[in-house]
C-alpha atoms as a PDB file:
ATOM      1  CA  MET A   1       0.000   0.000   0.000  1.00  0.00           C
ATOM      2  CA  ILE A   2       2.894   2.385   0.555  1.00  0.00           C
ATOM      3  CA  ARG A   3       3.881   2.492  -3.122  1.00  0.00           C
ATOM      4  CA  PRO A   4       0.482   3.724  -4.424  1.00  0.00           C
ATOM      5  CA  MET A   5       0.421   6.370  -1.673  1.00  0.00           C
ATOM      6  CA  ARG A   6       3.857   7.631  -2.739  1.00  0.00           C
ATOM      7  CA  GLN A   7       2.798   7.671  -6.380  1.00  0.00           C
ATOM      8  CA  MET A   8      -0.290   9.666  -5.447  1.00  0.00           C
ATOM      9  CA  ARG A   9       1.780  12.165  -3.445  1.00  0.00           C
ATOM     10  CA  ARG A  10       4.141  12.555  -6.399  1.00  0.00           C
ATOM     11  CA  ALA A  11       1.223  13.154  -8.773  1.00  0.00           C
ATOM     12  CA  LEU A  12      -0.331  15.691  -6.403  1.00  0.00           C
ATOM     13  CA  ALA A  13       2.987  17.478  -5.992  1.00  0.00           C
ATOM     14  CA  THR A  14       3.322  17.705  -9.758  1.00  0.00           C
ATOM     15  CA  CYS A  15      -0.043  19.463 -10.075  1.00  0.00           C
ATOM     16  CA  GLY A  16       0.583  21.660  -7.038  1.00  0.00           C
ATOM     17  CA  LEU A  17      -2.251  20.095  -5.020  1.00  0.00           C
ATOM     18  CA  LEU A  18       0.050  18.694  -2.338  1.00  0.00           C
ATOM     19  CA  ALA A  19       0.735  22.166  -1.008  1.00  0.00           C
ATOM     20  CA  MET A  20      -2.999  22.751  -0.713  1.00  0.00           C
ATOM     21  CA  LEU A  21      -3.498  19.504   1.246  1.00  0.00           C
ATOM     22  CA  GLY A  22      -0.778  20.424   3.715  1.00  0.00           C
ATOM     23  CA  ALA A  23       1.785  18.357   5.597  1.00  0.00           C
ATOM     24  CA  ALA A  24      -0.858  16.462   7.589  1.00  0.00           C
ATOM     25  CA  TRP A  25      -1.543  14.066   4.723  1.00  0.00           C
ATOM     26  CA  PRO A  26      -0.028  10.688   5.767  1.00  0.00           C
ATOM     27  CA  LEU A  27       2.762   8.944   3.904  1.00  0.00           C
ATOM     28  CA  ALA A  28       1.251   5.526   4.585  1.00  0.00           C
ATOM     29  CA  GLN A  29      -1.970   4.114   5.870  1.00  0.00           C
ATOM     30  CA  VAL A  30      -2.204   3.477   9.601  1.00  0.00           C
ATOM     31  CA  ALA A  31      -2.034  -0.229  10.431  1.00  0.00           C
ATOM     32  CA  GLU A  32      -4.635  -1.850  12.656  1.00  0.00           C
ATOM     33  CA  ALA A  33      -3.604  -1.807  16.321  1.00  0.00           C
ATOM     34  CA  VAL A  34      -1.898  -5.072  17.229  1.00  0.00           C
ATOM     35  CA  PRO A  35      -0.662  -6.000  20.706  1.00  0.00           C
ATOM     36  CA  PRO A  36       3.154  -6.123  20.850  1.00  0.00           C
ATOM     37  CA  GLN A  37       3.007  -9.877  21.511  1.00  0.00           C
ATOM     38  CA  PHE A  38       1.519 -10.437  18.063  1.00  0.00           C
ATOM     39  CA  VAL A  39       3.558  -8.016  15.940  1.00  0.00           C
ATOM     40  CA  GLY A  40       5.030  -9.903  13.006  1.00  0.00           C
ATOM     41  CA  ALA A  41       2.751 -12.919  13.442  1.00  0.00           C
ATOM     42  CA  ASN A  42       1.392 -14.694  10.390  1.00  0.00           C
ATOM     43  CA  ILE A  43      -2.317 -14.966  11.148  1.00  0.00           C
ATOM     44  CA  ALA A  44      -3.131 -17.041   8.063  1.00  0.00           C
ATOM     45  CA  GLN A  45      -0.423 -19.512   9.032  1.00  0.00           C
ATOM     46  CA  GLY A  46      -1.764 -19.524  12.607  1.00  0.00           C
ATOM     47  CA  GLN A  47      -5.173 -20.545  11.289  1.00  0.00           C
ATOM     48  CA  LYS A  48      -3.565 -23.372   9.301  1.00  0.00           C
ATOM     49  CA  TYR A  49      -1.779 -24.647  12.422  1.00  0.00           C
ATOM     50  CA  TYR A  50      -5.020 -24.343  14.407  1.00  0.00           C
ATOM     51  CA  ASP A  51      -6.890 -26.352  11.776  1.00  0.00           C
ATOM     52  CA  ASN A  52      -4.168 -28.955  11.167  1.00  0.00           C
ATOM     53  CA  LEU A  53      -3.658 -29.607  14.897  1.00  0.00           C
ATOM     54  CA  LYS A  54      -7.434 -30.010  15.283  1.00  0.00           C
ATOM     55  CA  CYS A  55      -7.601 -27.478  18.125  1.00  0.00           C
ATOM     56  CA  ALA A  56     -11.304 -26.822  17.471  1.00  0.00           C
ATOM     57  CA  ALA A  57     -12.175 -30.505  17.861  1.00  0.00           C
ATOM     58  CA  CYS A  58     -10.390 -30.718  21.204  1.00  0.00           C
ATOM     59  CA  HIS A  59     -12.052 -27.529  22.447  1.00  0.00           C
ATOM     60  CA  ALA A  60     -15.478 -28.695  21.243  1.00  0.00           C
ATOM     61  CA  GLN A  61     -15.010 -31.924  23.164  1.00  0.00           C
ATOM     62  CA  ARG A  62     -14.167 -29.981  26.329  1.00  0.00           C
ATOM     63  CA  MET A  63     -17.009 -27.478  25.832  1.00  0.00           C
ATOM     64  CA  MET A  64     -19.842 -29.938  25.056  1.00  0.00           C
ATOM     65  CA  GLY A  65     -19.808 -29.455  21.309  1.00  0.00           C
ATOM     66  CA  SER A  66     -18.979 -25.770  20.854  1.00  0.00           C
ATOM     67  CA  SER A  67     -15.363 -25.050  19.947  1.00  0.00           C
ATOM     68  CA  SER A  68     -15.822 -21.272  20.130  1.00  0.00           C
ATOM     69  CA  ALA A  69     -17.292 -21.461  23.664  1.00  0.00           C
ATOM     70  CA  MET A  70     -13.762 -21.906  24.985  1.00  0.00           C
ATOM     71  CA  TYR A  71     -13.018 -18.352  23.880  1.00  0.00           C
ATOM     72  CA  THR A  72     -16.378 -16.631  24.231  1.00  0.00           C
ATOM     73  CA  ARG A  73     -17.764 -17.961  27.529  1.00  0.00           C
ATOM     74  CA  ALA A  74     -18.426 -15.460  30.313  1.00  0.00           C
ATOM     75  CA  ASP A  75     -15.926 -17.095  32.684  1.00  0.00           C
ATOM     76  CA  ARG A  76     -13.077 -17.392  30.196  1.00  0.00           C
ATOM     77  CA  LYS A  77      -9.592 -17.523  31.647  1.00  0.00           C
ATOM     78  CA  VAL A  78      -7.842 -15.312  29.083  1.00  0.00           C
ATOM     79  CA  HIS A  79      -8.109 -11.565  29.679  1.00  0.00           C
ATOM     80  CA  ASN A  80      -5.057 -10.104  27.939  1.00  0.00           C
ATOM     81  CA  PRO A  81      -2.490 -10.883  25.209  1.00  0.00           C
ATOM     82  CA  GLN A  82       0.057 -12.281  27.695  1.00  0.00           C
ATOM     83  CA  GLN A  83      -2.440 -14.815  29.000  1.00  0.00           C
ATOM     84  CA  LEU A  84      -3.445 -15.734  25.454  1.00  0.00           C
ATOM     85  CA  MET A  85       0.181 -16.474  24.582  1.00  0.00           C
ATOM     86  CA  ALA A  86       0.631 -18.476  27.806  1.00  0.00           C
ATOM     87  CA  PHE A  87      -2.530 -20.562  27.326  1.00  0.00           C
ATOM     88  CA  THR A  88      -1.698 -21.233  23.685  1.00  0.00           C
ATOM     89  CA  GLN A  89       1.781 -22.411  24.688  1.00  0.00           C
ATOM     90  CA  MET A  90       0.272 -24.543  27.474  1.00  0.00           C
ATOM     91  CA  CYS A  91      -2.011 -26.342  24.990  1.00  0.00           C
ATOM     92  CA  VAL A  92       0.866 -26.920  22.587  1.00  0.00           C
ATOM     93  CA  THR A  93       3.067 -28.281  25.392  1.00  0.00           C
ATOM     94  CA  GLN A  94       0.376 -30.503  26.954  1.00  0.00           C
ATOM     95  CA  LEU A  95      -0.412 -32.105  23.607  1.00  0.00           C
ATOM     96  CA  ASN A  96       3.280 -32.553  22.719  1.00  0.00           C
ATOM     97  CA  HIS A  97       3.008 -30.584  19.487  1.00  0.00           C
ATOM     98  CA  ASP A  98       6.470 -29.747  18.236  1.00  0.00           C
ATOM     99  CA  LEU A  99       6.073 -26.058  17.366  1.00  0.00           C
ATOM    100  CA  PHE A 100       8.524 -23.200  17.338  1.00  0.00           C
ATOM    101  CA  PRO A 101       7.697 -20.109  19.446  1.00  0.00           C
ATOM    102  CA  GLU A 102       6.902 -18.183  16.248  1.00  0.00           C
ATOM    103  CA  GLU A 103       4.301 -20.800  15.308  1.00  0.00           C
ATOM    104  CA  VAL A 104       2.682 -20.560  18.751  1.00  0.00           C
ATOM    105  CA  LYS A 105       2.637 -16.787  18.276  1.00  0.00           C
ATOM    106  CA  ASP A 106       0.909 -17.259  14.901  1.00  0.00           C
ATOM    107  CA  ILE A 107      -1.827 -19.370  16.520  1.00  0.00           C
ATOM    108  CA  ALA A 108      -2.317 -16.896  19.369  1.00  0.00           C
ATOM    109  CA  ALA A 109      -2.506 -13.999  16.890  1.00  0.00           C
ATOM    110  CA  TYR A 110      -5.129 -15.913  14.886  1.00  0.00           C
ATOM    111  CA  LEU A 111      -7.170 -16.515  18.066  1.00  0.00           C
ATOM    112  CA  ASN A 112      -6.826 -12.863  19.002  1.00  0.00           C
ATOM    113  CA  GLN A 113      -8.053 -11.673  15.623  1.00  0.00           C
ATOM    114  CA  THR A 114     -10.897 -14.206  15.541  1.00  0.00           C
ATOM    115  CA  TYR A 115     -12.162 -14.147  19.138  1.00  0.00           C
ATOM    116  CA  TYR A 116     -10.412 -11.909  21.642  1.00  0.00           C
ATOM    117  CA  LYS A 117      -9.744  -8.662  19.765  1.00  0.00           C
ATOM    118  CA  PHE A 118      -7.083  -7.423  22.223  1.00  0.00           C
ATOM    119  CA  LYS A 119      -5.454  -4.143  21.133  1.00  0.00           C
END
């Protein structure tokens, strides 16, 4: 997205419109707020890990058929990004999945985007 914005600024400068818009016009679009724990995570890859490891099936079994209830119930145990990372790592460790920390981060970022929405 940065390249089209630069091209637009260049075109506006050529016609003299940039001066009229002023210096407040941004160079790049503002990214969606992401907790520091999830910066650089690959959310699409996190979803693939989540699906391939059958996390939803395990959670559905624990929550009487609803996989999303683990994340959306009123008495959920995760209240911030740090806890989300810790619980995701705990699941991975308990089930002996051989994942790198970056892969755990990808899963947690996917869960955050899908259910928790921590900023």
